[in-house]
Protein backbone atom coordinates (compact mmCIF):
# COMPACT_ATOMS: atom_id res chain seq x y z
CA UNK A 1 -2.71 3.72 181.26
CA UNK A 2 -5.92 5.62 180.61
CA UNK A 3 -6.67 3.93 177.31
CA UNK A 4 -9.00 5.80 174.99
CA UNK A 5 -9.79 8.25 177.80
CA UNK A 6 -6.21 9.58 177.83
CA UNK A 7 -6.20 13.36 177.25
CA UNK A 8 -3.83 12.88 174.30
CA UNK A 9 -6.60 11.12 172.41
CA UNK A 10 -9.53 13.31 173.44
CA UNK A 11 -9.29 15.52 170.34
CA UNK A 12 -9.73 12.43 168.15
CA UNK A 13 -13.17 11.70 169.65
CA UNK A 14 -12.50 7.97 169.39
CA UNK A 15 -15.50 5.67 169.81
CA UNK A 16 -15.39 2.99 172.48
CA UNK A 17 -13.33 0.14 171.07
CA UNK A 18 -12.10 -2.65 173.33
CA UNK A 19 -9.18 -3.64 171.09
CA UNK A 20 -7.84 -0.10 170.81
CA UNK A 21 -8.44 0.64 174.50
CA UNK A 22 -6.66 -2.57 175.51
CA UNK A 23 -3.65 -1.79 173.31
CA UNK A 24 -3.44 1.80 174.52
CA UNK A 25 -3.53 0.66 178.15
CA UNK A 26 -0.89 -2.00 177.42
CA UNK A 27 1.45 0.52 175.83
CA UNK A 28 0.78 2.95 178.66
CA UNK A 29 1.96 0.23 181.05
CA UNK A 30 5.03 -0.43 178.92
CA UNK A 31 5.94 3.28 178.92
CA UNK A 32 5.37 3.46 182.68
CA UNK A 33 7.63 0.45 183.31
CA UNK A 34 10.26 1.83 180.93
CA UNK A 35 10.25 5.07 182.91
CA UNK A 36 10.73 3.19 186.18
CA UNK A 37 13.70 1.28 184.76
CA UNK A 38 15.23 4.49 183.38
CA UNK A 39 14.86 6.09 186.81
CA UNK A 40 16.33 2.99 188.47
CA UNK A 41 19.54 3.11 186.40
CA UNK A 42 20.27 6.80 187.04
CA UNK A 43 22.56 6.30 190.07
CA UNK A 44 24.87 3.96 188.13
CA UNK A 45 24.17 5.17 184.60
CA UNK A 46 27.85 4.98 183.64
CA UNK A 47 27.78 1.23 184.39
CA UNK A 48 24.48 0.46 182.66
CA UNK A 49 25.50 0.95 179.03
CA UNK A 50 23.91 -2.22 177.64
CA UNK A 51 20.59 -1.72 179.43
CA UNK A 52 20.53 2.00 178.58
CA UNK A 53 21.17 1.27 174.90
CA UNK A 54 18.54 -1.47 174.84
CA UNK A 55 15.92 0.83 176.34
CA UNK A 56 16.68 3.66 173.94
CA UNK A 57 16.86 1.16 171.06
CA UNK A 58 13.28 0.16 171.88
CA UNK A 59 12.23 3.80 171.92
CA UNK A 60 13.96 4.33 168.56
CA UNK A 61 12.17 1.28 167.11
CA UNK A 62 8.86 2.76 168.29
CA UNK A 63 9.78 5.98 166.49
CA UNK A 64 10.36 4.01 163.29
CA UNK A 65 6.84 2.64 163.71
CA UNK A 66 5.51 6.17 163.99
CA UNK A 67 7.40 7.20 160.83
CA UNK A 68 5.95 4.22 158.94
CA UNK A 69 2.48 5.27 160.08
CA UNK A 70 3.10 8.85 158.93
CA UNK A 71 4.26 7.61 155.51
CA UNK A 72 1.30 5.25 155.11
CA UNK A 73 -1.54 7.24 156.69
CA UNK A 74 -0.40 10.85 157.01
CA UNK A 75 0.42 13.11 159.91
CA UNK A 76 -1.05 12.43 163.33
CA UNK A 77 -1.90 15.24 165.78
CA UNK A 78 1.02 17.55 166.56
CA UNK A 79 2.08 15.99 169.89
CA UNK A 80 2.67 12.65 168.18
CA UNK A 81 4.82 14.24 165.47
CA UNK A 82 6.91 15.66 168.31
CA UNK A 83 7.13 12.24 169.94
CA UNK A 84 8.40 10.79 166.66
CA UNK A 85 11.13 13.44 166.45
CA UNK A 86 12.16 12.76 170.05
CA UNK A 87 12.26 9.02 169.47
CA UNK A 88 14.18 9.18 166.18
CA UNK A 89 16.62 11.96 167.06
CA UNK A 90 16.64 11.81 170.84
CA UNK A 91 17.44 8.12 171.16
CA UNK A 92 20.79 8.26 169.31
CA UNK A 93 21.70 11.46 171.15
CA UNK A 94 20.95 9.90 174.53
CA UNK A 95 23.03 6.83 173.63
CA UNK A 96 25.95 9.06 172.60
CA UNK A 97 25.62 11.09 175.81
CA UNK A 98 25.61 8.00 178.03
CA UNK A 99 28.64 6.64 176.18
CA UNK A 100 30.52 9.84 176.95
CA UNK A 101 29.50 9.65 180.61
CA UNK A 102 30.67 6.03 180.82
CA UNK A 103 33.96 6.83 179.05
CA UNK A 104 34.61 9.80 181.34
CA UNK A 105 33.90 7.71 184.43
CA UNK A 106 36.16 4.91 183.19
CA UNK A 107 39.06 7.30 182.55
CA UNK A 108 38.46 8.98 185.92
CA UNK A 109 38.58 5.59 187.66
CA UNK A 110 41.91 4.81 185.95
CA UNK A 111 43.34 8.15 187.06
CA UNK A 112 42.32 7.44 190.66
CA UNK A 113 43.94 4.00 190.50
CA UNK A 114 47.19 5.50 189.20
CA UNK A 115 47.13 8.12 191.93
CA UNK A 116 46.70 5.40 194.56
CA UNK A 117 49.78 3.58 193.25
CA UNK A 118 47.89 0.89 191.34
CA UNK A 119 48.63 0.31 187.64
């Protein structure tokens, strides 16, 4: 939430701009909150499929925005190209991984129920 003063933007030598600084701080807060929610769902990740997919869907949508920017304006600094790759490729992979975790947990729960004499 450092705004224009964030080290990621220092190489761009951006001039003071209240609109840009405000938006950067807003998105910094959004990313921070998203991280907290991701951390919060870890203990029960196999039960949080809808929330997990929604969060990664938002990250994927942000990656689409980065790709549109690249197509319209050109390549940003290298770290942001990496972020785009992570958002576009990482989001679907994370969703697939969580689905496997949830499926494994569900089948494990059924096995335990059968072993305890419950159908």
